[in-house]
């Protein structure tokens, strides 16, 4: 059975290396330089942008990396990841409001709830492939949306959860600037965890399953179990982002569970580059900043612009922005070695 994601091919029709592999095989100084630049940008971000926008970029970066873990490295297109993002947001908000615990504990509770929710959904979904897997995840996400809308005594329905606190041992985090630096370590740990997953033997097996599940099964790997584990890990990382999003906005609405939220995450991944991991971070930064700029400029048809950019990237930059840049860098390094 074929993968749901076809590897990008070069002009000669040969499978090309993903952006992740290109960076991994780059000289050590290149990798460390990219890491240093990334950390510098992360620490500078709230000084160059409106801090609330910088917070949203971090949250969506985690969400995009979670989706790419499934789409790019396992070959599973999920249109229902808003269920984990949104469920974590609600659990985080409820724990923070009613228990008064520090927000990192509330976010962790939300992420764990998302992972628990991912177990039964993933168990049923990973038995399907291609469009059937995508539709199953979408159906379950809509079920979660319906439950949240009807369970008004807990979720407050269309009114949402308001006044989610940012409690952290008495520190004043009402200013988004300070809150950004408070959540940055959590985001970096989440990204580091995703990096470790895809670079571990487990991650290599996921890539093998993506490329040829029949061969992986013939080699003795329990394909469904690996897919389910990847699905749960992806749900946990998405839950981290959703919990931080709830605390960052101090409000949780039904929009966090809507199917359009899942679609936006897929767009972010495609924009940055499928199977590149860090492309999701870049895609989140571009899309969130673009939406913020358009909204402040008074432009109402934001979806028209983002949709046009998505089509342009699919047609011109098939590997996404990060993937295309990595491919160019690989060719340049290969040319220098000759």
Protein backbone atom coordinates (compact mmCIF):
# COMPACT_ATOMS: atom_id res chain seq x y z
CA UNK A 1 0.00 0.00 0.00
CA UNK A 2 1.36 3.38 -0.93
CA UNK A 3 2.00 6.29 1.34
CA UNK A 4 -0.43 9.17 1.63
CA UNK A 5 2.41 11.61 1.03
CA UNK A 6 4.51 11.31 -2.08
CA UNK A 7 8.12 12.36 -1.67
CA UNK A 8 9.15 15.40 -3.62
CA UNK A 9 11.05 14.58 -6.76
CA UNK A 10 13.71 16.46 -8.62
CA UNK A 11 13.78 17.23 -12.33
CA UNK A 12 15.03 13.74 -13.13
CA UNK A 13 12.18 12.07 -11.29
CA UNK A 14 14.37 10.75 -8.49
CA UNK A 15 13.26 11.04 -4.88
CA UNK A 16 14.93 14.02 -3.28
CA UNK A 17 16.08 14.39 0.28
CA UNK A 18 13.77 16.13 2.71
CA UNK A 19 14.78 19.41 4.24
CA UNK A 20 15.39 17.60 7.52
CA UNK A 21 17.86 15.14 5.97
CA UNK A 22 19.58 17.98 4.12
CA UNK A 23 20.16 19.90 7.32
CA UNK A 24 21.18 16.76 9.22
CA UNK A 25 23.90 15.96 6.66
CA UNK A 26 25.12 19.55 6.49
CA UNK A 27 28.48 20.36 8.09
CA UNK A 28 28.42 20.70 11.85
CA UNK A 29 29.07 24.43 11.79
CA UNK A 30 26.01 24.93 9.54
CA UNK A 31 23.74 23.07 11.94
CA UNK A 32 25.05 24.96 14.97
CA UNK A 33 24.79 28.26 13.11
CA UNK A 34 21.15 27.56 12.21
CA UNK A 35 20.41 26.60 15.81
CA UNK A 36 22.04 29.79 17.11
CA UNK A 37 20.12 31.95 14.63
CA UNK A 38 16.87 30.24 15.57
CA UNK A 39 17.43 30.82 19.29
CA UNK A 40 18.41 34.44 18.72
CA UNK A 41 15.26 35.04 16.69
CA UNK A 42 13.16 33.36 19.37
CA UNK A 43 14.58 35.62 22.09
CA UNK A 44 14.27 38.73 19.92
CA UNK A 45 10.75 38.09 18.60
CA UNK A 46 8.62 40.03 21.16
CA UNK A 47 10.90 43.03 20.71
CA UNK A 48 10.36 43.15 16.95
CA UNK A 49 6.67 42.20 16.91
CA UNK A 50 3.63 42.89 19.02
CA UNK A 51 4.15 40.47 21.97
CA UNK A 52 0.68 38.92 21.61
CA UNK A 53 1.51 38.03 18.00
CA UNK A 54 4.81 36.52 19.11
CA UNK A 55 2.93 34.36 21.63
CA UNK A 56 0.57 33.13 18.90
CA UNK A 57 3.54 32.25 16.70
CA UNK A 58 4.97 30.02 19.42
CA UNK A 59 1.65 28.26 19.97
CA UNK A 60 0.99 27.67 16.28
CA UNK A 61 4.58 26.52 15.78
CA UNK A 62 3.98 23.68 18.24
CA UNK A 63 0.70 22.84 16.52
CA UNK A 64 2.33 22.76 13.09
CA UNK A 65 5.21 20.58 14.26
CA UNK A 66 2.69 18.15 15.78
CA UNK A 67 0.82 17.91 12.47
CA UNK A 68 4.08 17.50 10.52
CA UNK A 69 5.10 14.64 12.81
CA UNK A 70 2.12 12.75 11.40
CA UNK A 71 1.93 14.14 7.87
CA UNK A 72 5.61 14.43 7.01
CA UNK A 73 7.13 11.53 8.92
CA UNK A 74 4.31 8.98 9.18
CA UNK A 75 2.39 9.78 6.01
CA UNK A 76 -0.94 10.39 7.77
CA UNK A 77 -3.00 13.43 6.79
CA UNK A 78 -5.07 14.49 9.80
CA UNK A 79 -7.94 16.93 9.42
CA UNK A 80 -8.96 16.48 13.04
CA UNK A 81 -6.04 17.74 15.09
CA UNK A 82 -8.16 20.65 16.30
CA UNK A 83 -9.72 18.08 18.64
CA UNK A 84 -6.45 17.80 20.59
CA UNK A 85 -5.55 21.48 20.32
CA UNK A 86 -9.04 22.49 21.50
CA UNK A 87 -9.52 19.78 24.14
CA UNK A 88 -6.24 20.78 25.73
CA UNK A 89 -7.28 24.44 25.63
CA UNK A 90 -10.51 23.66 27.49
CA UNK A 91 -8.86 21.39 30.07
CA UNK A 92 -6.09 23.93 30.62
CA UNK A 93 -8.64 26.71 31.10
CA UNK A 94 -10.75 24.67 33.50
CA UNK A 95 -7.77 23.59 35.59
CA UNK A 96 -6.37 27.13 35.72
CA UNK A 97 -9.73 28.67 36.64
CA UNK A 98 -11.03 26.16 39.18
CA UNK A 99 -7.82 24.71 40.66
CA UNK A 100 -5.72 27.87 40.60
CA UNK A 101 -2.59 25.91 39.73
CA UNK A 102 0.42 27.51 37.99
CA UNK A 103 -0.21 27.73 34.27
CA UNK A 104 2.59 25.25 33.31
CA UNK A 105 0.82 22.59 35.40
CA UNK A 106 -2.52 23.46 33.78
CA UNK A 107 -0.94 23.28 30.31
CA UNK A 108 0.61 19.90 31.12
CA UNK A 109 -2.79 18.65 32.31
CA UNK A 110 -4.31 19.82 29.04
CA UNK A 111 -1.60 18.13 26.96
CA UNK A 112 -2.06 14.86 28.86
CA UNK A 113 -5.82 15.08 28.30
CA UNK A 114 -5.16 15.56 24.58
CA UNK A 115 -2.89 12.51 24.55
CA UNK A 116 -5.54 10.42 26.34
CA UNK A 117 -8.16 11.57 23.83
CA UNK A 118 -5.81 10.63 20.99
CA UNK A 119 -5.65 6.98 22.10
CA UNK A 120 -9.18 5.86 21.13
CA UNK A 121 -9.35 8.18 18.11
CA UNK A 122 -5.97 7.01 16.86
CA UNK A 123 -6.76 3.34 17.55
CA UNK A 124 -9.70 3.52 15.16
CA UNK A 125 -8.18 5.95 12.66
CA UNK A 126 -4.80 4.31 12.00
CA UNK A 127 -6.54 1.25 10.61
CA UNK A 128 -7.41 3.41 7.62
CA UNK A 129 -5.13 5.13 5.12
CA UNK A 130 -5.27 8.04 2.72
CA UNK A 131 -8.47 10.05 2.48
CA UNK A 132 -10.27 7.56 4.74
CA UNK A 133 -7.88 8.29 7.60
CA UNK A 134 -8.37 12.04 7.05
CA UNK A 135 -12.16 11.71 7.08
CA UNK A 136 -12.17 9.57 10.23
CA UNK A 137 -10.09 12.13 12.11
CA UNK A 138 -12.33 14.93 10.83
CA UNK A 139 -15.45 13.06 11.97
CA UNK A 140 -14.08 12.54 15.48
CA UNK A 141 -13.02 16.18 15.70
CA UNK A 142 -16.54 17.29 14.81
CA UNK A 143 -17.90 14.99 17.51
CA UNK A 144 -15.63 16.68 20.07
CA UNK A 145 -16.82 20.06 18.78
CA UNK A 146 -20.45 18.99 19.26
CA UNK A 147 -19.81 17.76 22.81
CA UNK A 148 -18.09 21.02 23.75
CA UNK A 149 -20.95 23.03 22.30
CA UNK A 150 -23.64 21.05 24.12
CA UNK A 151 -21.85 20.59 27.48
CA UNK A 152 -22.56 24.18 28.46
CA UNK A 153 -22.36 23.58 32.21
CA UNK A 154 -18.63 22.93 31.80
CA UNK A 155 -17.52 24.64 28.59
CA UNK A 156 -20.10 27.49 28.73
CA UNK A 157 -20.98 26.75 25.13
CA UNK A 158 -20.78 29.66 22.71
CA UNK A 159 -19.76 32.03 25.52
CA UNK A 160 -16.52 30.13 26.07
CA UNK A 161 -14.22 30.11 29.09
CA UNK A 162 -13.31 33.64 30.07
CA UNK A 163 -10.67 35.00 32.41
CA UNK A 164 -8.19 32.12 32.21
CA UNK A 165 -5.48 33.10 34.75
CA UNK A 166 -1.75 33.19 34.13
CA UNK A 167 -0.76 32.15 37.62
CA UNK A 168 2.94 31.41 38.14
CA UNK A 169 3.92 31.59 41.81
CA UNK A 170 2.71 35.15 42.21
CA UNK A 171 4.59 36.59 39.21
CA UNK A 172 2.82 39.30 37.25
CA UNK A 173 2.39 37.90 33.73
CA UNK A 174 -0.47 40.12 32.58
CA UNK A 175 1.92 41.76 30.14
CA UNK A 176 2.26 39.61 27.00
CA UNK A 177 5.93 40.55 26.77
CA UNK A 178 6.80 38.78 30.03
CA UNK A 179 4.37 35.96 29.34
CA UNK A 180 6.19 35.23 26.09
CA UNK A 181 9.45 34.57 27.92
CA UNK A 182 7.59 32.51 30.52
CA UNK A 183 6.28 30.09 27.88
CA UNK A 184 9.37 30.06 25.67
CA UNK A 185 11.12 27.27 27.65
CA UNK A 186 8.00 25.09 27.35
CA UNK A 187 7.85 25.64 23.60
CA UNK A 188 11.56 24.92 23.18
CA UNK A 189 11.17 21.69 25.17
CA UNK A 190 8.24 20.68 22.95
CA UNK A 191 10.23 21.38 19.78
CA UNK A 192 13.26 19.55 21.18
CA UNK A 193 11.02 16.58 21.98
CA UNK A 194 9.70 16.50 18.42
CA UNK A 195 13.26 16.72 17.06
CA UNK A 196 14.32 13.82 19.28
CA UNK A 197 11.38 11.71 18.13
CA UNK A 198 12.14 12.04 14.41
CA UNK A 199 15.89 11.47 14.96
CA UNK A 200 15.42 8.36 17.11
CA UNK A 201 15.23 4.77 15.81
CA UNK A 202 11.48 5.08 16.37
CA UNK A 203 11.40 8.05 13.99
CA UNK A 204 13.37 6.14 11.36
CA UNK A 205 10.81 3.34 11.54
CA UNK A 206 8.03 5.90 11.05
CA UNK A 207 9.72 7.13 7.87
CA UNK A 208 10.02 3.53 6.68
CA UNK A 209 6.33 2.98 7.35
CA UNK A 210 5.52 6.18 5.48
CA UNK A 211 7.52 5.12 2.44
CA UNK A 212 6.56 1.44 2.32
CA UNK A 213 4.25 0.11 5.07
CA UNK A 214 4.08 -3.36 3.47
CA UNK A 215 7.86 -3.74 3.64
CA UNK A 216 7.93 -2.48 7.25
CA UNK A 217 5.29 -5.03 8.15
CA UNK A 218 7.25 -7.78 6.40
CA UNK A 219 10.32 -6.85 8.48
CA UNK A 220 8.31 -7.52 11.63
CA UNK A 221 7.39 -4.01 12.72
CA UNK A 222 3.86 -3.63 14.18
CA UNK A 223 2.80 -0.87 11.79
CA UNK A 224 -0.50 0.00 13.48
CA UNK A 225 1.17 0.23 16.88
CA UNK A 226 3.85 2.57 15.57
CA UNK A 227 1.23 4.74 13.87
CA UNK A 228 -0.85 4.87 17.04
CA UNK A 229 2.18 5.88 19.12
CA UNK A 230 3.03 8.63 16.65
CA UNK A 231 -0.60 9.77 16.70
CA UNK A 232 -0.63 10.03 20.50
CA UNK A 233 2.72 11.85 20.61
CA UNK A 234 1.45 14.25 17.96
CA UNK A 235 -1.71 14.83 20.00
CA UNK A 236 0.38 15.59 23.10
CA UNK A 237 2.51 18.19 21.29
CA UNK A 238 -0.59 19.75 19.74
CA UNK A 239 -2.06 19.84 23.24
CA UNK A 240 0.93 21.76 24.54
CA UNK A 241 0.31 24.41 21.91
CA UNK A 242 -3.43 24.49 22.58
CA UNK A 243 -2.97 24.91 26.32
CA UNK A 244 -0.50 27.76 25.87
CA UNK A 245 -2.89 29.34 23.35
CA UNK A 246 -5.70 29.27 25.93
CA UNK A 247 -3.57 30.88 28.64
CA UNK A 248 -2.09 33.37 26.17
CA UNK A 249 -5.53 34.60 25.07
CA UNK A 250 -7.05 34.12 28.55
CA UNK A 251 -10.12 32.88 26.72
CA UNK A 252 -11.25 29.61 25.14
CA UNK A 253 -13.95 29.58 22.46
CA UNK A 254 -15.44 26.90 20.24
CA UNK A 255 -13.23 28.11 17.39
CA UNK A 256 -10.31 26.13 18.83
CA UNK A 257 -12.24 22.93 18.01
CA UNK A 258 -13.54 23.93 14.60
CA UNK A 259 -12.41 22.01 11.52
CA UNK A 260 -11.01 25.20 10.00
CA UNK A 261 -8.42 25.23 12.78
CA UNK A 262 -7.17 21.82 11.61
CA UNK A 263 -7.11 23.10 8.04
CA UNK A 264 -5.08 26.14 9.03
CA UNK A 265 -2.50 23.90 10.70
CA UNK A 266 -2.17 21.83 7.51
CA UNK A 267 -1.72 25.04 5.48
CA UNK A 268 1.04 26.15 7.85
CA UNK A 269 2.87 22.84 7.41
CA UNK A 270 2.58 22.89 3.62
CA UNK A 271 3.72 26.52 3.55
CA UNK A 272 6.83 25.76 5.59
CA UNK A 273 7.54 22.36 4.05
CA UNK A 274 6.16 18.88 4.71
CA UNK A 275 8.62 16.55 6.41
CA UNK A 276 11.04 19.31 7.38
CA UNK A 277 9.87 19.73 11.00
CA UNK A 278 11.24 23.29 11.29
CA UNK A 279 9.24 24.32 8.24
CA UNK A 280 6.17 24.34 10.45
CA UNK A 281 7.79 26.92 12.72
CA UNK A 282 8.61 29.13 9.74
CA UNK A 283 5.15 28.67 8.25
CA UNK A 284 3.50 29.59 11.57
CA UNK A 285 5.56 32.77 11.82
CA UNK A 286 4.68 33.82 8.27
CA UNK A 287 0.96 33.04 8.43
CA UNK A 288 0.31 34.49 11.91
CA UNK A 289 2.24 37.67 11.08
CA UNK A 290 0.46 38.02 7.74
CA UNK A 291 -2.98 37.61 9.33
CA UNK A 292 -2.13 40.16 12.01
CA UNK A 293 -0.88 42.68 9.44
CA UNK A 294 -3.96 42.24 7.23
CA UNK A 295 -6.39 42.56 10.15
CA UNK A 296 -4.77 45.79 11.37
CA UNK A 297 -4.78 47.19 7.84
CA UNK A 298 -8.56 46.78 7.72
CA UNK A 299 -8.52 44.09 5.03
CA UNK A 300 -11.43 41.71 5.64
CA UNK A 301 -10.87 38.97 3.06
CA UNK A 302 -7.89 37.48 4.91
CA UNK A 303 -8.77 33.97 3.76
CA UNK A 304 -8.48 35.07 0.14
CA UNK A 305 -4.87 36.17 0.66
CA UNK A 306 -3.78 33.16 2.71
CA UNK A 307 -5.51 30.81 0.26
CA UNK A 308 -3.76 32.45 -2.69
CA UNK A 309 -0.39 32.10 -0.96
CA UNK A 310 -1.15 28.43 -0.26
CA UNK A 311 -1.92 27.80 -3.94
CA UNK A 312 1.22 29.67 -4.99
CA UNK A 313 3.42 27.61 -2.67
CA UNK A 314 1.88 24.34 -3.87
CA UNK A 315 2.43 25.28 -7.51
CA UNK A 316 5.85 26.95 -7.30
CA UNK A 317 7.52 25.72 -4.09
CA UNK A 318 6.39 22.11 -3.87
CA UNK A 319 8.74 21.42 -0.97
CA UNK A 320 7.56 24.50 0.94
CA UNK A 321 9.72 27.44 1.90
CA UNK A 322 12.07 25.58 4.26
CA UNK A 323 12.22 22.51 2.04
CA UNK A 324 13.04 24.55 -1.06
CA UNK A 325 15.72 26.51 0.78
CA UNK A 326 17.23 23.28 2.12
CA UNK A 327 17.27 21.78 -1.39
CA UNK A 328 19.10 24.83 -2.76
CA UNK A 329 21.58 24.67 0.12
CA UNK A 330 22.20 20.98 -0.55
CA UNK A 331 22.96 21.65 -4.21
CA UNK A 332 25.29 24.49 -3.27
CA UNK A 333 27.19 22.35 -0.78
CA UNK A 334 27.42 19.50 -3.31
CA UNK A 335 28.79 21.90 -5.92
CA UNK A 336 31.46 23.14 -3.51
CA UNK A 337 32.62 19.62 -2.76
CA UNK A 338 33.29 18.84 -6.42
